[in-house]
Amino acid sequence: MTSAREQLIQELNQTPDFVVQEVLDFLLFIKLRLKDRIGENQTSEMQQSPSLPPFLQFVEEISAQIPKEEWEKLPKDLSKNLDRYLYGSLKDEE
């Protein structure tokens, strides 16, 4: 069984450079946020009672900052047709 780090490295080796750059930017963003939390002593609270894995907790915190009205503006088929909305690909009608 490979570790998450090893699997990530394997995936990065097979990924185009522009995607690797996006992943790097995101990783650096997460590390910066974690550094800010450490400065605010929030990591000790997360370690005492983690209800979600740290990444999912991070995603939940970011999601909570977005007003409900904005979530309602998203297309209902966004996850299924993400490429259509990002790149203009054909719509998946399933």
Protein backbone atom coordinates (compact mmCIF):
# COMPACT_ATOMS: atom_id res chain seq x y z
CA MET A 1 0.00 0.00 0.00
CA THR A 2 1.43 3.33 -1.01
CA SER A 3 1.25 6.36 1.22
CA ALA A 4 -0.67 9.46 0.22
CA ARG A 5 2.64 11.27 -0.35
CA GLU A 6 3.91 8.54 -2.69
CA GLN A 7 0.61 8.43 -4.57
CA LEU A 8 0.64 12.21 -4.95
CA ILE A 9 4.20 12.12 -6.33
CA GLN A 10 3.20 9.40 -8.80
CA GLU A 11 0.22 11.45 -9.96
CA LEU A 12 2.30 14.62 -10.24
CA ASN A 13 4.80 12.80 -12.45
CA GLN A 14 1.96 12.07 -14.90
CA THR A 15 0.33 15.51 -14.78
CA PRO A 16 0.84 18.45 -17.15
CA ASP A 17 2.95 21.31 -15.80
CA PHE A 18 0.10 23.83 -15.73
CA VAL A 19 -1.91 21.53 -13.45
CA VAL A 20 1.13 20.91 -11.24
CA GLN A 21 1.48 24.69 -10.88
CA GLU A 22 -2.16 24.96 -9.75
CA VAL A 23 -1.66 22.15 -7.23
CA LEU A 24 1.50 23.83 -5.92
CA ASP A 25 -0.31 27.15 -5.54
CA PHE A 26 -3.11 25.42 -3.63
CA LEU A 27 -0.67 23.57 -1.36
CA LEU A 28 1.18 26.77 -0.55
CA PHE A 29 -2.14 28.46 0.20
CA ILE A 30 -3.11 25.66 2.61
CA LYS A 31 0.27 25.82 4.32
CA LEU A 32 -0.08 29.57 4.75
CA ARG A 33 -3.53 29.15 6.27
CA LEU A 34 -2.20 26.48 8.64
CA LYS A 35 0.64 28.76 9.67
CA ASP A 36 -1.90 31.49 10.44
CA ARG A 37 -3.91 29.07 12.55
CA ILE A 38 -0.86 27.99 14.50
CA GLY A 39 -0.21 31.64 15.27
CA GLU A 40 -3.76 31.90 16.62
CA ASN A 41 -3.44 28.67 18.65
CA GLN A 42 -6.29 27.08 16.71
CA THR A 43 -4.39 23.88 15.92
CA SER A 44 -4.54 22.73 19.53
CA GLU A 45 -8.34 23.01 19.41
CA MET A 46 -8.47 20.98 16.18
CA GLN A 47 -6.25 18.26 17.66
CA GLN A 48 -8.42 17.90 20.76
CA SER A 49 -11.73 17.27 19.00
CA PRO A 50 -11.36 16.75 15.26
CA SER A 51 -14.77 15.89 13.82
CA LEU A 52 -13.42 15.85 10.26
CA PRO A 53 -9.99 15.18 8.75
CA PRO A 54 -8.04 18.47 8.60
CA PHE A 55 -8.46 18.97 4.85
CA LEU A 56 -12.21 18.39 4.94
CA GLN A 57 -12.48 20.70 7.93
CA PHE A 58 -10.59 23.33 5.92
CA VAL A 59 -12.97 22.88 2.98
CA GLU A 60 -15.97 23.13 5.32
CA GLU A 61 -14.64 26.36 6.84
CA ILE A 62 -14.13 27.90 3.39
CA SER A 63 -17.58 26.72 2.26
CA ALA A 64 -19.20 28.26 5.33
CA GLN A 65 -17.87 31.68 4.31
CA ILE A 66 -19.88 31.62 1.07
CA PRO A 67 -23.46 32.94 1.41
CA LYS A 68 -26.29 30.51 0.68
CA GLU A 69 -27.51 32.72 -2.17
CA GLU A 70 -24.19 32.23 -3.97
CA TRP A 71 -24.38 28.43 -3.62
CA GLU A 72 -27.87 28.55 -5.14
CA LYS A 73 -26.50 30.30 -8.25
CA LEU A 74 -24.36 27.27 -9.13
CA PRO A 75 -25.73 24.97 -11.84
CA LYS A 76 -27.34 21.83 -10.40
CA ASP A 77 -25.25 19.66 -12.76
CA LEU A 78 -21.93 21.39 -11.99
CA SER A 79 -20.09 18.31 -10.75
CA LYS A 80 -21.27 16.22 -13.69
CA ASN A 81 -20.54 18.86 -16.33
CA LEU A 82 -17.58 20.70 -14.82
CA ASP A 83 -15.58 20.51 -18.07
CA ARG A 84 -18.50 22.12 -19.91
CA TYR A 85 -18.60 25.06 -17.53
CA LEU A 86 -14.82 25.48 -17.38
CA TYR A 87 -13.77 24.68 -20.95
CA GLY A 88 -16.93 24.63 -23.08
CA SER A 89 -16.90 20.85 -23.59
CA LEU A 90 -20.04 19.03 -24.64
CA LYS A 91 -22.69 18.61 -21.94
CA ASP A 92 -23.16 15.18 -20.36
CA GLU A 93 -26.90 14.48 -20.60
CA GLU A 94 -27.08 11.35 -18.37
